[in-house]
Amino acid sequence: AFWNRFIKAEKRTVYTKTESLFQEKGYPLFNSRVESLVSIKEKRST
């Protein structure tokens, strides 16, 4: 799994608690977080 639509201004507790829970359950979680910005869709191209 990896975080998508990451918002820097949000409180971080939900991220850290989820990461701890994933570690407890043995579910892999990438370090990368993809930010929630309009340009991700605007500059999407095949």
All heavy atoms as atom14 arrays in JSON, in Angstrom:
{
  "sequence": "AFWNRFIKAEKRTVYTKTESLFQEKGYPLFNSRVESLVSIKEKRST",
  "atom14_mask": [
    [1, 1, 1, 1, 1, 0, 0, 0, 0, 0, 0, 0, 0, 0],
    [1, 1, 1, 1, 1, 1, 1, 1, 1, 1, 1, 0, 0, 0],
    [1, 1, 1, 1, 1, 1, 1, 1, 1, 1, 1, 1, 1, 1],
    [1, 1, 1, 1, 1, 1, 1, 1, 0, 0, 0, 0, 0, 0],
    [1, 1, 1, 1, 1, 1, 1, 1, 1, 1, 1, 0, 0, 0],
    [1, 1, 1, 1, 1, 1, 1, 1, 1, 1, 1, 0, 0, 0],
    [1, 1, 1, 1, 1, 1, 1, 1, 0, 0, 0, 0, 0, 0],
    [1, 1, 1, 1, 1, 1, 1, 1, 1, 0, 0, 0, 0, 0],
    [1, 1, 1, 1, 1, 0, 0, 0, 0, 0, 0, 0, 0, 0],
    [1, 1, 1, 1, 1, 1, 1, 1, 1, 0, 0, 0, 0, 0],
    [1, 1, 1, 1, 1, 1, 1, 1, 1, 0, 0, 0, 0, 0],
    [1, 1, 1, 1, 1, 1, 1, 1, 1, 1, 1, 0, 0, 0],
    [1, 1, 1, 1, 1, 1, 1, 0, 0, 0, 0, 0, 0, 0],
    [1, 1, 1, 1, 1, 1, 1, 0, 0, 0, 0, 0, 0, 0],
    [1, 1, 1, 1, 1, 1, 1, 1, 1, 1, 1, 1, 0, 0],
    [1, 1, 1, 1, 1, 1, 1, 0, 0, 0, 0, 0, 0, 0],
    [1, 1, 1, 1, 1, 1, 1, 1, 1, 0, 0, 0, 0, 0],
    [1, 1, 1, 1, 1, 1, 1, 0, 0, 0, 0, 0, 0, 0],
    [1, 1, 1, 1, 1, 1, 1, 1, 1, 0, 0, 0, 0, 0],
    [1, 1, 1, 1, 1, 1, 0, 0, 0, 0, 0, 0, 0, 0],
    [1, 1, 1, 1, 1, 1, 1, 1, 0, 0, 0, 0, 0, 0],
    [1, 1, 1, 1, 1, 1, 1, 1, 1, 1, 1, 0, 0, 0],
    [1, 1, 1, 1, 1, 1, 1, 1, 1, 0, 0, 0, 0, 0],
    [1, 1, 1, 1, 1, 1, 1, 1, 1, 0, 0, 0, 0, 0],
    [1, 1, 1, 1, 1, 1, 1, 1, 1, 0, 0, 0, 0, 0],
    [1, 1, 1, 1, 0, 0, 0, 0, 0, 0, 0, 0, 0, 0],
    [1, 1, 1, 1, 1, 1, 1, 1, 1, 1, 1, 1, 0, 0],
    [1, 1, 1, 1, 1, 1, 1, 0, 0, 0, 0, 0, 0, 0],
    [1, 1, 1, 1, 1, 1, 1, 1, 0, 0, 0, 0, 0, 0],
    [1, 1, 1, 1, 1, 1, 1, 1, 1, 1, 1, 0, 0, 0],
    [1, 1, 1, 1, 1, 1, 1, 1, 0, 0, 0, 0, 0, 0],
    [1, 1, 1, 1, 1, 1, 0, 0, 0, 0, 0, 0, 0, 0],
    [1, 1, 1, 1, 1, 1, 1, 1, 1, 1, 1, 0, 0, 0],
    [1, 1, 1, 1, 1, 1, 1, 0, 0, 0, 0, 0, 0, 0],
    [1, 1, 1, 1, 1, 1, 1, 1, 1, 0, 0, 0, 0, 0],
    [1, 1, 1, 1, 1, 1, 0, 0, 0, 0, 0, 0, 0, 0],
    [1, 1, 1, 1, 1, 1, 1, 1, 0, 0, 0, 0, 0, 0],
    [1, 1, 1, 1, 1, 1, 1, 0, 0, 0, 0, 0, 0, 0],
    [1, 1, 1, 1, 1, 1, 0, 0, 0, 0, 0, 0, 0, 0],
    [1, 1, 1, 1, 1, 1, 1, 1, 0, 0, 0, 0, 0, 0],
    [1, 1, 1, 1, 1, 1, 1, 1, 1, 0, 0, 0, 0, 0],
    [1, 1, 1, 1, 1, 1, 1, 1, 1, 0, 0, 0, 0, 0],
    [1, 1, 1, 1, 1, 1, 1, 1, 1, 0, 0, 0, 0, 0],
    [1, 1, 1, 1, 1, 1, 1, 1, 1, 1, 1, 0, 0, 0],
    [1, 1, 1, 1, 1, 1, 0, 0, 0, 0, 0, 0, 0, 0],
    [1, 1, 1, 1, 1, 1, 1, 0, 0, 0, 0, 0, 0, 0]
  ],
  "atom14_positions": [
    [[0.85, -1.19, 0.0], [0.0, 0.0, 0.0], [0.89, 1.24, 0.0], [2.07, 1.18, 0.36], [-0.9, 0.0, 1.22], [0.0, 0.0, 0.0], [0.0, 0.0, 0.0], [0.0, 0.0, 0.0], [0.0, 0.0, 0.0], [0.0, 0.0, 0.0], [0.0, 0.0, 0.0], [0.0, 0.0, 0.0], [0.0, 0.0, 0.0], [0.0, 0.0, 0.0]],
    [[0.32, 2.36, -0.44], [1.04, 3.64, -0.34], [0.0, 4.74, -0.18], [-1.14, 4.63, -0.62], [1.91, 3.89, -1.58], [1.16, 4.01, -2.88], [0.7, 5.25, -3.34], [0.9, 2.89, -3.65], [0.01, 5.37, -4.53], [0.2, 3.0, -4.86], [-0.24, 4.23, -5.3], [0.0, 0.0, 0.0], [0.0, 0.0, 0.0], [0.0, 0.0, 0.0]],
    [[0.42, 5.81, 0.48], [-0.48, 6.93, 0.72], [-0.67, 7.74, -0.56], [0.29, 8.16, -1.17], [0.07, 7.85, 1.81], [0.06, 7.26, 3.19], [1.14, 6.96, 3.96], [-1.09, 6.94, 3.98], [0.75, 6.46, 5.17], [-0.62, 6.44, 5.21], [-2.47, 7.03, 3.76], [-1.49, 6.02, 6.22], [-3.33, 6.61, 4.76], [-2.84, 6.11, 5.99]],
    [[-1.91, 7.94, -0.93], [-2.27, 8.79, -2.06], [-3.11, 9.95, -1.54], [-3.75, 9.85, -0.49], [-3.05, 7.99, -3.1], [-3.26, 8.76, -4.38], [-2.43, 9.59, -4.76], [-4.35, 8.5, -5.08], [0.0, 0.0, 0.0], [0.0, 0.0, 0.0], [0.0, 0.0, 0.0], [0.0, 0.0, 0.0], [0.0, 0.0, 0.0], [0.0, 0.0, 0.0]],
    [[-3.08, 11.08, -2.28], [-3.81, 12.29, -1.9], [-3.4, 12.75, -0.5], [-4.24, 13.15, 0.31], [-5.31, 12.06, -2.01], [-5.73, 11.81, -3.46], [-7.17, 11.4, -3.59], [-7.51, 11.15, -5.0], [-8.5, 10.36, -5.4], [-9.28, 9.77, -4.51], [-8.75, 10.19, -6.68], [0.0, 0.0, 0.0], [0.0, 0.0, 0.0], [0.0, 0.0, 0.0]],
    [[-2.11, 12.68, -0.27], [-1.54, 13.12, 1.0], [-1.62, 14.64, 1.1], [-1.26, 15.35, 0.17], [-0.08, 12.66, 1.08], [0.71, 13.23, 2.23], [0.32, 13.01, 3.54], [1.85, 13.99, 1.99], [1.06, 13.52, 4.59], [2.59, 14.5, 3.03], [2.19, 14.26, 4.34], [0.0, 0.0, 0.0], [0.0, 0.0, 0.0], [0.0, 0.0, 0.0]],
    [[-2.09, 15.13, 2.24], [-2.22, 16.57, 2.46], [-1.31, 16.95, 3.62], [-1.51, 16.51, 4.75], [-3.67, 16.97, 2.77], [-4.58, 16.57, 1.58], [-3.78, 18.46, 3.04], [-6.04, 16.81, 1.82], [0.0, 0.0, 0.0], [0.0, 0.0, 0.0], [0.0, 0.0, 0.0], [0.0, 0.0, 0.0], [0.0, 0.0, 0.0], [0.0, 0.0, 0.0]],
    [[-0.29, 17.75, 3.34], [0.71, 18.08, 4.35], [0.1, 18.78, 5.56], [0.59, 18.64, 6.68], [1.79, 18.98, 3.74], [2.71, 18.25, 2.76], [3.79, 19.19, 2.25], [4.76, 18.47, 1.33], [5.81, 19.38, 0.8], [0.0, 0.0, 0.0], [0.0, 0.0, 0.0], [0.0, 0.0, 0.0], [0.0, 0.0, 0.0], [0.0, 0.0, 0.0]],
    [[-0.97, 19.56, 5.34], [-1.54, 20.34, 6.43], [-2.36, 19.5, 7.4], [-2.71, 19.97, 8.49], [-2.41, 21.46, 5.86], [0.0, 0.0, 0.0], [0.0, 0.0, 0.0], [0.0, 0.0, 0.0], [0.0, 0.0, 0.0], [0.0, 0.0, 0.0], [0.0, 0.0, 0.0], [0.0, 0.0, 0.0], [0.0, 0.0, 0.0], [0.0, 0.0, 0.0]],
    [[-2.68, 18.27, 7.05], [-3.49, 17.43, 7.92], [-2.7, 16.99, 9.15], [-1.48, 16.89, 9.12], [-3.98, 16.18, 7.17], [-5.15, 16.44, 6.24], [-5.68, 15.14, 5.65], [-5.0, 14.1, 5.78], [-6.77, 15.17, 5.07], [0.0, 0.0, 0.0], [0.0, 0.0, 0.0], [0.0, 0.0, 0.0], [0.0, 0.0, 0.0], [0.0, 0.0, 0.0]],
    [[-3.42, 16.7, 10.23], [-2.78, 16.13, 11.4], [-2.18, 14.78, 11.02], [-2.75, 14.04, 10.23], [-3.79, 15.96, 12.54], [-4.3, 17.29, 13.1], [-5.3, 17.05, 14.19], [-5.81, 18.37, 14.76], [-6.82, 18.17, 15.83], [0.0, 0.0, 0.0], [0.0, 0.0, 0.0], [0.0, 0.0, 0.0], [0.0, 0.0, 0.0], [0.0, 0.0, 0.0]],
    [[-1.04, 14.44, 11.6], [-0.32, 13.25, 11.19], [-0.71, 11.99, 11.96], [-0.28, 10.9, 11.62], [1.19, 13.48, 11.37], [1.75, 14.65, 10.57], [1.67, 14.38, 9.06], [2.49, 15.31, 8.33], [2.07, 16.49, 7.88], [0.82, 16.84, 8.09], [2.88, 17.28, 7.22], [0.0, 0.0, 0.0], [0.0, 0.0, 0.0], [0.0, 0.0, 0.0]],
    [[-1.51, 12.12, 13.02], [-1.79, 10.95, 13.85], [-2.38, 9.8, 13.05], [-2.04, 8.64, 13.26], [-2.75, 11.33, 14.99], [-2.22, 12.45, 15.69], [-2.91, 10.17, 15.96], [0.0, 0.0, 0.0], [0.0, 0.0, 0.0], [0.0, 0.0, 0.0], [0.0, 0.0, 0.0], [0.0, 0.0, 0.0], [0.0, 0.0, 0.0], [0.0, 0.0, 0.0]],
    [[-3.28, 10.11, 12.12], [-3.91, 9.04, 11.35], [-2.86, 8.28, 10.54], [-2.96, 7.05, 10.37], [-5.01, 9.6, 10.43], [-4.44, 10.5, 9.35], [-5.83, 8.47, 9.82], [0.0, 0.0, 0.0], [0.0, 0.0, 0.0], [0.0, 0.0, 0.0], [0.0, 0.0, 0.0], [0.0, 0.0, 0.0], [0.0, 0.0, 0.0], [0.0, 0.0, 0.0]],
    [[-1.83, 8.98, 10.06], [-0.78, 8.31, 9.3], [0.08, 7.42, 10.2], [0.33, 6.26, 9.89], [0.11, 9.35, 8.59], [-0.63, 10.14, 7.53], [-0.98, 11.46, 7.74], [-0.97, 9.55, 6.31], [-1.65, 12.19, 6.76], [-1.64, 10.27, 5.33], [-1.99, 11.59, 5.57], [-2.66, 12.3, 4.6], [0.0, 0.0, 0.0], [0.0, 0.0, 0.0]],
    [[0.54, 7.97, 11.3], [1.43, 7.21, 12.17], [0.71, 6.03, 12.82], [1.3, 4.95, 12.96], [2.03, 8.12, 13.26], [0.98, 8.76, 13.99], [2.94, 9.17, 12.65], [0.0, 0.0, 0.0], [0.0, 0.0, 0.0], [0.0, 0.0, 0.0], [0.0, 0.0, 0.0], [0.0, 0.0, 0.0], [0.0, 0.0, 0.0], [0.0, 0.0, 0.0]],
    [[-0.54, 6.21, 13.21], [-1.28, 5.1, 13.81], [-1.56, 4.0, 12.79], [-1.49, 2.81, 13.1], [-2.57, 5.6, 14.44], [-2.37, 6.36, 15.74], [-3.66, 6.55, 16.49], [-3.42, 7.15, 17.87], [-4.67, 7.26, 18.67], [0.0, 0.0, 0.0], [0.0, 0.0, 0.0], [0.0, 0.0, 0.0], [0.0, 0.0, 0.0], [0.0, 0.0, 0.0]],
    [[-1.85, 4.42, 11.55], [-2.08, 3.43, 10.5], [-0.8, 2.66, 10.21], [-0.81, 1.43, 10.05], [-2.59, 4.1, 9.21], [-3.8, 4.79, 9.47], [-2.83, 3.07, 8.11], [0.0, 0.0, 0.0], [0.0, 0.0, 0.0], [0.0, 0.0, 0.0], [0.0, 0.0, 0.0], [0.0, 0.0, 0.0], [0.0, 0.0, 0.0], [0.0, 0.0, 0.0]],
    [[0.31, 3.37, 10.15], [1.58, 2.71, 9.88], [1.94, 1.72, 10.98], [2.44, 0.63, 10.72], [2.68, 3.77, 9.7], [2.52, 4.53, 8.38], [3.31, 5.83, 8.33], [4.06, 6.11, 9.29], [3.17, 6.55, 7.33], [0.0, 0.0, 0.0], [0.0, 0.0, 0.0], [0.0, 0.0, 0.0], [0.0, 0.0, 0.0], [0.0, 0.0, 0.0]],
    [[1.64, 2.08, 12.23], [1.89, 1.16, 13.34], [0.98, -0.06, 13.24], [1.41, -1.2, 13.49], [1.65, 1.87, 14.68], [2.57, 2.92, 14.88], [0.0, 0.0, 0.0], [0.0, 0.0, 0.0], [0.0, 0.0, 0.0], [0.0, 0.0, 0.0], [0.0, 0.0, 0.0], [0.0, 0.0, 0.0], [0.0, 0.0, 0.0], [0.0, 0.0, 0.0]],
    [[-0.26, 0.17, 12.86], [-1.21, -0.94, 12.71], [-0.8, -1.87, 11.58], [-0.86, -3.1, 11.71], [-2.62, -0.39, 12.46], [-3.75, -1.41, 12.36], [-3.85, -2.23, 13.63], [-5.08, -0.71, 12.08], [0.0, 0.0, 0.0], [0.0, 0.0, 0.0], [0.0, 0.0, 0.0], [0.0, 0.0, 0.0], [0.0, 0.0, 0.0], [0.0, 0.0, 0.0]],
    [[-0.34, -1.28, 10.46], [0.12, -2.09, 9.34], [1.33, -2.94, 9.76], [1.41, -4.12, 9.41], [0.5, -1.19, 8.15], [-0.62, -0.95, 7.19], [-1.85, -0.48, 7.63], [-0.47, -1.19, 5.83], [-2.89, -0.26, 6.76], [-1.51, -0.97, 4.94], [-2.72, -0.5, 5.41], [0.0, 0.0, 0.0], [0.0, 0.0, 0.0], [0.0, 0.0, 0.0]],
    [[2.23, -2.34, 10.5], [3.4, -3.08, 10.96], [2.99, -4.23, 11.87], [3.51, -5.35, 11.78], [4.35, -2.13, 11.7], [5.68, -2.78, 12.09], [6.65, -1.78, 12.68], [6.27, -0.67, 13.05], [7.9, -2.16, 12.79], [0.0, 0.0, 0.0], [0.0, 0.0, 0.0], [0.0, 0.0, 0.0], [0.0, 0.0, 0.0], [0.0, 0.0, 0.0]],
    [[2.02, -3.97, 12.72], [1.52, -5.01, 13.63], [0.89, -6.17, 12.87], [1.07, -7.34, 13.21], [0.49, -4.38, 14.59], [-0.19, -5.36, 15.52], [-1.31, -4.71, 16.3], [-1.21, -3.5, 16.61], [-2.3, -5.39, 16.6], [0.0, 0.0, 0.0], [0.0, 0.0, 0.0], [0.0, 0.0, 0.0], [0.0, 0.0, 0.0], [0.0, 0.0, 0.0]],
    [[0.14, -5.84, 11.81], [-0.54, -6.86, 11.02], [0.36, -7.52, 9.97], [-0.02, -8.52, 9.36], [-1.75, -6.24, 10.3], [-2.81, -5.67, 11.23], [-3.53, -6.76, 11.98], [-4.69, -6.18, 12.8], [-5.4, -7.24, 13.56], [0.0, 0.0, 0.0], [0.0, 0.0, 0.0], [0.0, 0.0, 0.0], [0.0, 0.0, 0.0], [0.0, 0.0, 0.0]],
    [[1.54, -6.93, 9.77], [2.45, -7.48, 8.75], [2.1, -7.08, 7.34], [2.48, -7.76, 6.38], [0.0, 0.0, 0.0], [0.0, 0.0, 0.0], [0.0, 0.0, 0.0], [0.0, 0.0, 0.0], [0.0, 0.0, 0.0], [0.0, 0.0, 0.0], [0.0, 0.0, 0.0], [0.0, 0.0, 0.0], [0.0, 0.0, 0.0], [0.0, 0.0, 0.0]],
    [[1.39, -5.94, 7.18], [1.01, -5.45, 5.85], [2.05, -4.41, 5.4], [2.24, -3.4, 6.08], [-0.37, -4.81, 5.87], [-1.49, -5.77, 6.17], [-2.64, -5.32, 6.83], [-1.43, -7.1, 5.8], [-3.69, -6.19, 7.12], [-2.47, -7.97, 6.08], [-3.59, -7.51, 6.74], [-4.61, -8.38, 7.02], [0.0, 0.0, 0.0], [0.0, 0.0, 0.0]],
    [[2.71, -4.61, 4.27], [3.74, -3.67, 3.8], [3.14, -2.33, 3.38], [2.12, -2.28, 2.69], [4.36, -4.39, 2.61], [3.95, -5.82, 2.74], [2.62, -5.8, 3.4], [0.0, 0.0, 0.0], [0.0, 0.0, 0.0], [0.0, 0.0, 0.0], [0.0, 0.0, 0.0], [0.0, 0.0, 0.0], [0.0, 0.0, 0.0], [0.0, 0.0, 0.0]],
    [[3.81, -1.25, 3.78], [3.39, 0.1, 3.42], [4.61, 0.88, 2.95], [5.6, 0.98, 3.67], [2.75, 0.79, 4.63], [2.26, 2.23, 4.45], [1.14, 2.3, 3.42], [1.79, 2.8, 5.79], [0.0, 0.0, 0.0], [0.0, 0.0, 0.0], [0.0, 0.0, 0.0], [0.0, 0.0, 0.0], [0.0, 0.0, 0.0], [0.0, 0.0, 0.0]],
    [[4.55, 1.39, 1.73], [5.65, 2.17, 1.19], [5.87, 3.45, 2.0], [4.95, 3.98, 2.61], [5.37, 2.55, -0.26], [5.85, 1.54, -1.27], [5.47, 1.66, -2.6], [6.68, 0.49, -0.94], [5.9, 0.76, -3.57], [7.12, -0.41, -1.88], [6.74, -0.28, -3.19], [0.0, 0.0, 0.0], [0.0, 0.0, 0.0], [0.0, 0.0, 0.0]],
    [[7.09, 3.93, 1.95], [7.42, 5.21, 2.56], [6.84, 6.38, 1.77], [6.46, 7.41, 2.33], [8.95, 5.35, 2.66], [9.4, 6.74, 3.08], [9.76, 7.57, 2.23], [9.36, 7.03, 4.37], [0.0, 0.0, 0.0], [0.0, 0.0, 0.0], [0.0, 0.0, 0.0], [0.0, 0.0, 0.0], [0.0, 0.0, 0.0], [0.0, 0.0, 0.0]],
    [[6.73, 6.23, 0.45], [6.3, 7.32, -0.43], [4.87, 7.77, -0.15], [3.99, 6.95, 0.14], [6.41, 6.87, -1.9], [7.72, 6.47, -2.2], [0.0, 0.0, 0.0], [0.0, 0.0, 0.0], [0.0, 0.0, 0.0], [0.0, 0.0, 0.0], [0.0, 0.0, 0.0], [0.0, 0.0, 0.0], [0.0, 0.0, 0.0], [0.0, 0.0, 0.0]],
    [[4.66, 9.08, -0.26], [3.31, 9.66, -0.13], [3.08, 10.58, -1.32], [3.84, 11.52, -1.56], [3.19, 10.44, 1.18], [3.41, 9.6, 2.43], [3.27, 10.42, 3.7], [3.51, 9.61, 4.88], [3.42, 10.08, 6.14], [3.1, 11.35, 6.34], [3.65, 9.28, 7.16], [0.0, 0.0, 0.0], [0.0, 0.0, 0.0], [0.0, 0.0, 0.0]],
    [[2.03, 10.3, -2.06], [1.7, 11.11, -3.24], [0.74, 12.22, -2.82], [-0.33, 11.94, -2.26], [1.06, 10.23, -4.34], [0.7, 11.09, -5.55], [2.01, 9.1, -4.74], [0.0, 0.0, 0.0], [0.0, 0.0, 0.0], [0.0, 0.0, 0.0], [0.0, 0.0, 0.0], [0.0, 0.0, 0.0], [0.0, 0.0, 0.0], [0.0, 0.0, 0.0]],
    [[1.12, 13.45, -3.09], [0.35, 14.59, -2.61], [-0.95, 14.82, -3.38], [-1.1, 14.42, -4.53], [1.21, 15.85, -2.64], [2.35, 15.81, -1.65], [2.95, 17.18, -1.41], [2.23, 18.19, -1.54], [4.15, 17.24, -1.12], [0.0, 0.0, 0.0], [0.0, 0.0, 0.0], [0.0, 0.0, 0.0], [0.0, 0.0, 0.0], [0.0, 0.0, 0.0]],
    [[-1.86, 15.48, -2.71], [-3.16, 15.79, -3.29], [-3.11, 17.17, -3.94], [-3.41, 18.19, -3.32], [-4.25, 15.77, -2.21], [-5.51, 16.09, -2.75], [0.0, 0.0, 0.0], [0.0, 0.0, 0.0], [0.0, 0.0, 0.0], [0.0, 0.0, 0.0], [0.0, 0.0, 0.0], [0.0, 0.0, 0.0], [0.0, 0.0, 0.0], [0.0, 0.0, 0.0]],
    [[-2.71, 17.21, -5.21], [-2.65, 18.47, -5.95], [-3.3, 18.3, -7.32], [-3.25, 17.22, -7.92], [-1.19, 18.92, -6.11], [-0.46, 19.31, -4.81], [1.01, 19.59, -5.08], [-1.12, 20.52, -4.16], [0.0, 0.0, 0.0], [0.0, 0.0, 0.0], [0.0, 0.0, 0.0], [0.0, 0.0, 0.0], [0.0, 0.0, 0.0], [0.0, 0.0, 0.0]],
    [[-3.9, 19.37, -7.81], [-4.64, 19.33, -9.07], [-3.77, 18.89, -10.24], [-4.23, 18.22, -11.16], [-5.27, 20.71, -9.36], [-5.95, 20.71, -10.73], [-6.28, 21.06, -8.28], [0.0, 0.0, 0.0], [0.0, 0.0, 0.0], [0.0, 0.0, 0.0], [0.0, 0.0, 0.0], [0.0, 0.0, 0.0], [0.0, 0.0, 0.0], [0.0, 0.0, 0.0]],
    [[-2.49, 19.24, -10.21], [-1.6, 18.96, -11.34], [-1.44, 17.46, -11.61], [-1.07, 17.07, -12.72], [-0.23, 19.6, -11.12], [0.36, 19.13, -9.92], [0.0, 0.0, 0.0], [0.0, 0.0, 0.0], [0.0, 0.0, 0.0], [0.0, 0.0, 0.0], [0.0, 0.0, 0.0], [0.0, 0.0, 0.0], [0.0, 0.0, 0.0], [0.0, 0.0, 0.0]],
    [[-1.71, 16.63, -10.63], [-1.6, 15.18, -10.86], [-2.57, 14.74, -11.94], [-2.26, 13.89, -12.78], [-1.83, 14.4, -9.54], [-0.61, 14.53, -8.65], [-2.13, 12.93, -9.82], [-0.68, 13.74, -7.37], [0.0, 0.0, 0.0], [0.0, 0.0, 0.0], [0.0, 0.0, 0.0], [0.0, 0.0, 0.0], [0.0, 0.0, 0.0], [0.0, 0.0, 0.0]],
    [[-3.77, 15.31, -11.93], [-4.73, 14.99, -12.98], [-4.53, 15.84, -14.22], [-4.63, 15.36, -15.34], [-6.16, 15.17, -12.44], [-6.62, 14.07, -11.49], [-8.09, 14.19, -11.19], [-8.58, 13.03, -10.35], [-10.03, 13.11, -10.06], [0.0, 0.0, 0.0], [0.0, 0.0, 0.0], [0.0, 0.0, 0.0], [0.0, 0.0, 0.0], [0.0, 0.0, 0.0]],
    [[-4.23, 17.12, -14.01], [-4.09, 18.03, -15.15], [-2.94, 17.62, -16.07], [-3.02, 17.79, -17.29], [-3.86, 19.46, -14.66], [-5.09, 20.12, -14.08], [-4.84, 21.55, -13.68], [-3.65, 21.93, -13.53], [-5.82, 22.31, -13.53], [0.0, 0.0, 0.0], [0.0, 0.0, 0.0], [0.0, 0.0, 0.0], [0.0, 0.0, 0.0], [0.0, 0.0, 0.0]],
    [[-1.87, 17.08, -15.51], [-0.69, 16.73, -16.31], [-0.56, 15.22, -16.53], [0.49, 14.73, -16.91], [0.56, 17.29, -15.65], [0.54, 18.81, -15.6], [1.86, 19.4, -15.17], [1.8, 20.93, -15.21], [3.1, 21.54, -14.82], [0.0, 0.0, 0.0], [0.0, 0.0, 0.0], [0.0, 0.0, 0.0], [0.0, 0.0, 0.0], [0.0, 0.0, 0.0]],
    [[-1.65, 14.51, -16.3], [-1.68, 13.08, -16.58], [-1.68, 12.86, -18.08], [-2.47, 13.47, -18.81], [-2.95, 12.51, -15.95], [-3.28, 11.08, -16.28], [-4.64, 10.75, -15.68], [-5.68, 11.6, -16.22], [-6.81, 11.91, -15.58], [-7.04, 11.48, -14.37], [-7.71, 12.69, -16.15], [0.0, 0.0, 0.0], [0.0, 0.0, 0.0], [0.0, 0.0, 0.0]],
    [[-0.8, 12.02, -18.57], [-0.72, 11.77, -20.01], [-0.19, 10.37, -20.28], [0.71, 9.89, -19.59], [0.2, 12.81, -20.67], [0.45, 12.47, -22.03], [0.0, 0.0, 0.0], [0.0, 0.0, 0.0], [0.0, 0.0, 0.0], [0.0, 0.0, 0.0], [0.0, 0.0, 0.0], [0.0, 0.0, 0.0], [0.0, 0.0, 0.0], [0.0, 0.0, 0.0]],
    [[-0.74, 9.74, -21.33], [-0.23, 8.43, -21.76], [0.83, 8.59, -22.85], [1.42, 7.59, -23.26], [-1.38, 7.55, -22.31], [-1.85, 8.11, -23.56], [-2.52, 7.45, -21.33], [0.0, 0.0, 0.0], [0.0, 0.0, 0.0], [0.0, 0.0, 0.0], [0.0, 0.0, 0.0], [0.0, 0.0, 0.0], [0.0, 0.0, 0.0], [0.0, 0.0, 0.0]]
  ]
}
